[in-house]
Amino acid sequence: MYDGEKKLWLEVINMAISDAMNKRLNASNRRFALNWLCRDNIDFFIVCDLAGVHPEAIRRGFLKIKNRKNR
């Protein structure tokens, strides 16, 4: 896979994290992004694989950021 393709899939993950944390986004869209990141679904695993990252590492990092912001 080309580096550009990996960057694209990393941006998909980054956008989901951004959407899940964005208080200005409506609750339904935030919840959709949060569920995509935190629940087991094939799409999340495929995107992580295409991005060359481990799904659990993404989740741990996201939850760490989320917990820090909620303090």
Protein backbone atom coordinates (compact mmCIF):
# COMPACT_ATOMS: atom_id res chain seq x y z
CA MET A 1 0.00 0.00 0.00
CA TYR A 2 1.21 3.49 -0.78
CA ASP A 3 2.07 5.99 1.96
CA GLY A 4 -0.64 8.31 0.65
CA GLU A 5 -3.27 5.63 1.17
CA LYS A 6 -2.09 5.00 4.74
CA LYS A 7 -2.23 8.74 5.41
CA LEU A 8 -5.80 8.82 4.09
CA TRP A 9 -6.90 6.04 6.46
CA LEU A 10 -5.08 7.70 9.36
CA GLU A 11 -7.06 10.84 8.59
CA VAL A 12 -10.30 8.82 8.79
CA ILE A 13 -9.28 7.73 12.29
CA ASN A 14 -8.23 11.27 13.24
CA MET A 15 -11.56 12.65 12.01
CA ALA A 16 -13.48 10.11 14.09
CA ILE A 17 -11.48 11.11 17.18
CA SER A 18 -12.06 14.78 16.44
CA ASP A 19 -15.79 14.21 15.91
CA ALA A 20 -16.11 12.19 19.12
CA MET A 21 -14.49 15.04 21.09
CA ASN A 22 -16.18 17.99 19.34
CA LYS A 23 -18.77 19.50 21.71
CA ARG A 24 -20.05 21.73 18.86
CA LEU A 25 -21.05 18.67 16.82
CA ASN A 26 -24.54 17.37 17.47
CA ALA A 27 -24.83 14.56 20.01
CA SER A 28 -25.89 11.97 17.45
CA ASN A 29 -22.79 12.48 15.31
CA ARG A 30 -20.52 12.50 18.38
CA ARG A 31 -22.09 9.27 19.60
CA PHE A 32 -21.67 7.67 16.15
CA ALA A 33 -17.94 8.51 16.14
CA LEU A 34 -17.54 7.33 19.74
CA ASN A 35 -19.26 4.03 18.99
CA TRP A 36 -17.15 3.55 15.86
CA LEU A 37 -13.97 4.03 17.89
CA CYS A 38 -14.93 2.02 20.98
CA ARG A 39 -17.14 -0.84 19.85
CA ASP A 40 -16.01 -3.88 17.95
CA ASN A 41 -17.05 -3.45 14.34
CA ILE A 42 -15.43 -4.70 11.19
CA ASP A 43 -15.15 -1.23 9.60
CA PHE A 44 -12.97 0.07 12.44
CA PHE A 45 -10.69 -2.96 12.21
CA ILE A 46 -10.39 -2.66 8.42
CA VAL A 47 -9.57 1.07 8.58
CA CYS A 48 -6.93 0.44 11.26
CA ASP A 49 -5.41 -2.33 9.17
CA LEU A 50 -5.31 -0.10 6.08
CA ALA A 51 -3.74 2.68 8.16
CA GLY A 52 -1.14 0.28 9.54
CA VAL A 53 -2.11 0.80 13.18
CA HIS A 54 -3.30 -1.53 15.93
CA PRO A 55 -6.98 -0.96 16.84
CA GLU A 56 -6.43 -1.38 20.58
CA ALA A 57 -3.59 1.14 20.54
CA ILE A 58 -5.90 3.66 18.87
CA ARG A 59 -8.61 3.00 21.44
CA ARG A 60 -6.23 3.29 24.40
CA GLY A 61 -4.85 6.57 23.05
CA PHE A 62 -8.32 7.94 22.38
CA LEU A 63 -9.61 7.01 25.83
CA LYS A 64 -6.54 8.56 27.46
CA ILE A 65 -7.19 11.85 25.61
CA LYS A 66 -10.92 11.68 26.37
CA ASN A 67 -10.35 11.06 30.08
CA ARG A 68 -7.86 13.93 30.29
CA LYS A 69 -10.35 16.34 28.67
CA ASN A 70 -13.16 15.23 30.99
CA ARG A 71 -11.25 16.14 34.16
